[in-house]
Amino acid sequence: MGKINRKIFDEEYDEIYAEAQRVADDFWTYHSTQNAKMKKTGGEASYISPMVRRTTDYTIKIFWVKCFFTKKPCGGFQRRTTHIKKKKGNIYNMAVLLKAAPAWEHDSIRMAENEFAFLRARLHHLTRIGNHLRLYEEVMASKKVQAPEPAEF
């Protein structure tokens, strides 16, 4: 047995990250155009947004935040965010997400969260496979080390 090729594994992480980023970008495009329309017509603006972060090669985080703005001392505004909590599992509680958003955005949040839940499930299982792969590689590496000869009595 030789060394395992991690290329397919790495490509799968890249694919999940790209797909999550695409879903977030699509949501953000819709969100920003609708928000602009709502501000012009005096409708309710939305302050909820998905975030996708890749912190390491094998760590991708997909989460929702609620945005708010604070005044800067020198003038202008600074955007701040707070995480919306998710219980265990791969999907957010829809009641919590929809409570934080206006009615015009509910359908797009449902669609985005369904796709994010699927991607989180893929990430979860891929991470488990990666952990087992790492353990397998450790076992194979330890096999190469020769055990000392037993002492003669």
C-alpha atoms as a PDB file:
ATOM      1  CA  MET A   1       0.000   0.000   0.000  1.00  0.00           C
ATOM      2  CA  GLY A   2       1.382   3.366  -0.933  1.00  0.00           C
ATOM      3  CA  LYS A   3       0.543   6.855   0.197  1.00  0.00           C
ATOM      4  CA  ILE A   4      -3.075   7.927  -0.370  1.00  0.00           C
ATOM      5  CA  ASN A   5      -3.655  10.668  -2.938  1.00  0.00           C
ATOM      6  CA  ARG A   6      -5.472  13.559  -1.222  1.00  0.00           C
ATOM      7  CA  LYS A   7      -6.126  15.442  -4.466  1.00  0.00           C
ATOM      8  CA  ILE A   8      -9.756  14.282  -4.760  1.00  0.00           C
ATOM      9  CA  PHE A   9     -10.308  15.096  -1.103  1.00  0.00           C
ATOM     10  CA  ASP A  10      -8.891  18.622  -1.537  1.00  0.00           C
ATOM     11  CA  GLU A  11     -10.919  19.192  -4.706  1.00  0.00           C
ATOM     12  CA  GLU A  12     -14.120  18.282  -2.860  1.00  0.00           C
ATOM     13  CA  TYR A  13     -13.393  20.915  -0.186  1.00  0.00           C
ATOM     14  CA  ASP A  14     -12.710  23.480  -2.907  1.00  0.00           C
ATOM     15  CA  GLU A  15     -15.987  22.579  -4.631  1.00  0.00           C
ATOM     16  CA  ILE A  16     -18.012  22.905  -1.412  1.00  0.00           C
ATOM     17  CA  TYR A  17     -16.424  26.271  -0.638  1.00  0.00           C
ATOM     18  CA  ALA A  18     -17.073  27.591  -4.154  1.00  0.00           C
ATOM     19  CA  GLU A  19     -20.695  26.405  -4.068  1.00  0.00           C
ATOM     20  CA  ALA A  20     -21.312  27.963  -0.640  1.00  0.00           C
ATOM     21  CA  GLN A  21     -19.767  31.231  -1.812  1.00  0.00           C
ATOM     22  CA  ARG A  22     -21.962  31.174  -4.946  1.00  0.00           C
ATOM     23  CA  VAL A  23     -25.124  30.685  -2.865  1.00  0.00           C
ATOM     24  CA  ALA A  24     -24.088  33.511  -0.523  1.00  0.00           C
ATOM     25  CA  ASP A  25     -23.291  35.809  -3.474  1.00  0.00           C
ATOM     26  CA  ASP A  26     -26.636  35.038  -5.126  1.00  0.00           C
ATOM     27  CA  PHE A  27     -28.436  35.766  -1.866  1.00  0.00           C
ATOM     28  CA  TRP A  28     -26.455  38.981  -1.391  1.00  0.00           C
ATOM     29  CA  THR A  29     -27.241  40.179  -4.936  1.00  0.00           C
ATOM     30  CA  TYR A  30     -30.966  39.690  -4.373  1.00  0.00           C
ATOM     31  CA  HIS A  31     -30.740  41.115  -0.848  1.00  0.00           C
ATOM     32  CA  SER A  32     -28.933  44.306  -1.889  1.00  0.00           C
ATOM     33  CA  THR A  33     -31.222  45.086  -4.849  1.00  0.00           C
ATOM     34  CA  GLN A  34     -34.378  44.455  -2.813  1.00  0.00           C
ATOM     35  CA  ASN A  35     -33.015  46.460   0.128  1.00  0.00           C
ATOM     36  CA  ALA A  36     -32.368  49.412  -2.189  1.00  0.00           C
ATOM     37  CA  LYS A  37     -35.964  49.191  -3.481  1.00  0.00           C
ATOM     38  CA  MET A  38     -37.337  48.991   0.061  1.00  0.00           C
ATOM     39  CA  LYS A  39     -35.377  52.045   1.183  1.00  0.00           C
ATOM     40  CA  LYS A  40     -36.726  54.053  -1.776  1.00  0.00           C
ATOM     41  CA  THR A  41     -40.331  53.023  -1.161  1.00  0.00           C
ATOM     42  CA  GLY A  42     -40.160  53.262   2.619  1.00  0.00           C
ATOM     43  CA  GLY A  43     -40.468  49.487   3.097  1.00  0.00           C
ATOM     44  CA  GLU A  44     -38.731  47.439   5.741  1.00  0.00           C
ATOM     45  CA  ALA A  45     -35.022  46.884   5.094  1.00  0.00           C
ATOM     46  CA  SER A  46     -33.295  43.604   5.914  1.00  0.00           C
ATOM     47  CA  TYR A  47     -30.213  43.228   8.056  1.00  0.00           C
ATOM     48  CA  ILE A  48     -29.643  39.473   7.840  1.00  0.00           C
ATOM     49  CA  SER A  49     -26.832  38.005   5.747  1.00  0.00           C
ATOM     50  CA  PRO A  50     -25.073  34.670   5.172  1.00  0.00           C
ATOM     51  CA  MET A  51     -21.317  34.403   5.661  1.00  0.00           C
ATOM     52  CA  VAL A  52     -18.920  31.818   4.260  1.00  0.00           C
ATOM     53  CA  ARG A  53     -15.408  31.649   5.697  1.00  0.00           C
ATOM     54  CA  ARG A  54     -12.531  29.317   4.934  1.00  0.00           C
ATOM     55  CA  THR A  55     -10.107  29.506   7.822  1.00  0.00           C
ATOM     56  CA  THR A  56      -7.802  26.637   6.825  1.00  0.00           C
ATOM     57  CA  ASP A  57      -7.617  24.145   3.971  1.00  0.00           C
ATOM     58  CA  TYR A  58     -10.076  21.865   5.758  1.00  0.00           C
ATOM     59  CA  THR A  59     -12.222  24.292   7.757  1.00  0.00           C
ATOM     60  CA  ILE A  60     -15.174  25.986   6.075  1.00  0.00           C
ATOM     61  CA  LYS A  61     -17.785  27.820   8.122  1.00  0.00           C
ATOM     62  CA  ILE A  62     -21.227  28.683   6.752  1.00  0.00           C
ATOM     63  CA  PHE A  63     -23.340  30.840   9.068  1.00  0.00           C
ATOM     64  CA  TRP A  64     -25.880  33.676   9.256  1.00  0.00           C
ATOM     65  CA  VAL A  65     -25.362  37.081  10.859  1.00  0.00           C
ATOM     66  CA  LYS A  66     -27.532  40.032  11.740  1.00  0.00           C
ATOM     67  CA  CYS A  67     -25.979  43.353  10.758  1.00  0.00           C
ATOM     68  CA  PHE A  68     -26.232  46.660  12.542  1.00  0.00           C
ATOM     69  CA  PHE A  69     -24.468  49.970  12.160  1.00  0.00           C
ATOM     70  CA  THR A  70     -22.702  52.165  14.704  1.00  0.00           C
ATOM     71  CA  LYS A  71     -21.577  55.752  14.303  1.00  0.00           C
ATOM     72  CA  LYS A  72     -17.862  56.349  14.014  1.00  0.00           C
ATOM     73  CA  PRO A  73     -16.396  59.170  16.135  1.00  0.00           C
ATOM     74  CA  CYS A  74     -14.966  60.777  12.985  1.00  0.00           C
ATOM     75  CA  GLY A  75     -18.291  60.557  11.151  1.00  0.00           C
ATOM     76  CA  GLY A  76     -19.885  57.893   9.015  1.00  0.00           C
ATOM     77  CA  PHE A  77     -21.033  54.438  10.018  1.00  0.00           C
ATOM     78  CA  GLN A  78     -19.333  51.154  10.728  1.00  0.00           C
ATOM     79  CA  ARG A  79     -20.987  47.820   9.940  1.00  0.00           C
ATOM     80  CA  ARG A  80     -21.057  45.308  12.801  1.00  0.00           C
ATOM     81  CA  THR A  81     -22.416  41.782  12.860  1.00  0.00           C
ATOM     82  CA  THR A  82     -23.680  39.310  15.440  1.00  0.00           C
ATOM     83  CA  HIS A  83     -23.909  35.585  14.785  1.00  0.00           C
ATOM     84  CA  ILE A  84     -27.340  34.021  14.737  1.00  0.00           C
ATOM     85  CA  LYS A  85     -27.076  30.885  16.853  1.00  0.00           C
ATOM     86  CA  LYS A  86     -27.562  27.467  15.320  1.00  0.00           C
ATOM     87  CA  LYS A  87     -28.383  24.402  17.370  1.00  0.00           C
ATOM     88  CA  LYS A  88     -26.716  21.055  16.713  1.00  0.00           C
ATOM     89  CA  GLY A  89     -27.170  19.681  13.248  1.00  0.00           C
ATOM     90  CA  ASN A  90     -26.747  21.068   9.774  1.00  0.00           C
ATOM     91  CA  ILE A  91     -29.733  23.417   9.525  1.00  0.00           C
ATOM     92  CA  TYR A  92     -30.733  26.605  11.292  1.00  0.00           C
ATOM     93  CA  ASN A  93     -34.081  26.871  13.008  1.00  0.00           C
ATOM     94  CA  MET A  94     -36.179  28.635  10.353  1.00  0.00           C
ATOM     95  CA  ALA A  95     -38.294  30.421  12.960  1.00  0.00           C
ATOM     96  CA  VAL A  96     -35.162  32.124  14.336  1.00  0.00           C
ATOM     97  CA  LEU A  97     -33.872  33.108  10.888  1.00  0.00           C
ATOM     98  CA  LEU A  98     -37.223  34.339   9.591  1.00  0.00           C
ATOM     99  CA  LYS A  99     -37.904  36.315  12.777  1.00  0.00           C
ATOM    100  CA  ALA A 100     -34.773  38.356  12.066  1.00  0.00           C
ATOM    101  CA  ALA A 101     -35.836  39.180   8.482  1.00  0.00           C
ATOM    102  CA  PRO A 102     -38.718  41.002   6.808  1.00  0.00           C
ATOM    103  CA  ALA A 103     -41.406  39.015   4.999  1.00  0.00           C
ATOM    104  CA  TRP A 104     -40.150  39.894   1.499  1.00  0.00           C
ATOM    105  CA  GLU A 105     -36.927  37.992   2.195  1.00  0.00           C
ATOM    106  CA  HIS A 106     -38.332  34.765   3.695  1.00  0.00           C
ATOM    107  CA  ASP A 107     -38.363  32.724   0.472  1.00  0.00           C
ATOM    108  CA  SER A 108     -34.777  33.593  -0.432  1.00  0.00           C
ATOM    109  CA  ILE A 109     -33.620  32.751   3.104  1.00  0.00           C
ATOM    110  CA  ARG A 110     -35.380  29.369   2.949  1.00  0.00           C
ATOM    111  CA  MET A 111     -33.812  28.540  -0.417  1.00  0.00           C
ATOM    112  CA  ALA A 112     -30.318  29.625   0.648  1.00  0.00           C
ATOM    113  CA  GLU A 113     -30.513  27.805   3.998  1.00  0.00           C
ATOM    114  CA  ASN A 114     -31.650  24.581   2.314  1.00  0.00           C
ATOM    115  CA  GLU A 115     -28.588  24.692   0.079  1.00  0.00           C
ATOM    116  CA  PHE A 116     -26.329  25.635   3.011  1.00  0.00           C
ATOM    117  CA  ALA A 117     -27.697  22.731   5.086  1.00  0.00           C
ATOM    118  CA  PHE A 118     -26.817  20.298   2.284  1.00  0.00           C
ATOM    119  CA  LEU A 119     -23.303  21.782   2.038  1.00  0.00           C
ATOM    120  CA  ARG A 120     -22.852  21.615   5.838  1.00  0.00           C
ATOM    121  CA  ALA A 121     -23.848  17.929   5.754  1.00  0.00           C
ATOM    122  CA  ARG A 122     -21.295  17.268   3.008  1.00  0.00           C
ATOM    123  CA  LEU A 123     -18.647  19.115   5.039  1.00  0.00           C
ATOM    124  CA  HIS A 124     -19.478  17.120   8.161  1.00  0.00           C
ATOM    125  CA  HIS A 125     -19.074  13.781   6.409  1.00  0.00           C
ATOM    126  CA  LEU A 126     -15.999  14.891   4.473  1.00  0.00           C
ATOM    127  CA  THR A 127     -14.372  15.988   7.737  1.00  0.00           C
ATOM    128  CA  ARG A 128     -15.112  12.602   9.285  1.00  0.00           C
ATOM    129  CA  ILE A 129     -13.593  10.872   6.269  1.00  0.00           C
ATOM    130  CA  GLY A 130     -10.537  13.138   6.570  1.00  0.00           C
ATOM    131  CA  ASN A 131     -10.107  12.269  10.243  1.00  0.00           C
ATOM    132  CA  HIS A 132     -10.257   8.557   9.475  1.00  0.00           C
ATOM    133  CA  LEU A 133      -7.872   9.013   6.562  1.00  0.00           C
ATOM    134  CA  ARG A 134      -5.391  10.765   8.848  1.00  0.00           C
ATOM    135  CA  LEU A 135      -5.648   7.919  11.390  1.00  0.00           C
ATOM    136  CA  TYR A 136      -5.134   5.372   8.602  1.00  0.00           C
ATOM    137  CA  GLU A 137      -2.025   7.215   7.411  1.00  0.00           C
ATOM    138  CA  GLU A 138      -0.673   7.239  10.980  1.00  0.00           C
ATOM    139  CA  VAL A 139      -1.185   3.470  11.257  1.00  0.00           C
ATOM    140  CA  MET A 140       0.521   2.892   7.922  1.00  0.00           C
ATOM    141  CA  ALA A 141       3.428   5.132   8.935  1.00  0.00           C
ATOM    142  CA  SER A 142       3.867   3.247  12.219  1.00  0.00           C
ATOM    143  CA  LYS A 143       4.035  -0.063  10.324  1.00  0.00           C
ATOM    144  CA  LYS A 144       7.236   1.058   8.636  1.00  0.00           C
ATOM    145  CA  VAL A 145       8.994   1.383  11.979  1.00  0.00           C
ATOM    146  CA  GLN A 146      10.597  -1.934  12.835  1.00  0.00           C
ATOM    147  CA  ALA A 147       9.904  -3.349  16.243  1.00  0.00           C
ATOM    148  CA  PRO A 148      13.035  -4.107  18.265  1.00  0.00           C
ATOM    149  CA  GLU A 149      14.211  -7.714  18.303  1.00  0.00           C
ATOM    150  CA  PRO A 150      13.159  -9.573  21.441  1.00  0.00           C
ATOM    151  CA  ALA A 151      15.924  -9.939  24.013  1.00  0.00           C
ATOM    152  CA  GLU A 152      17.433 -13.366  24.413  1.00  0.00           C
ATOM    153  CA  PHE A 153      17.147 -15.006  27.821  1.00  0.00           C
END
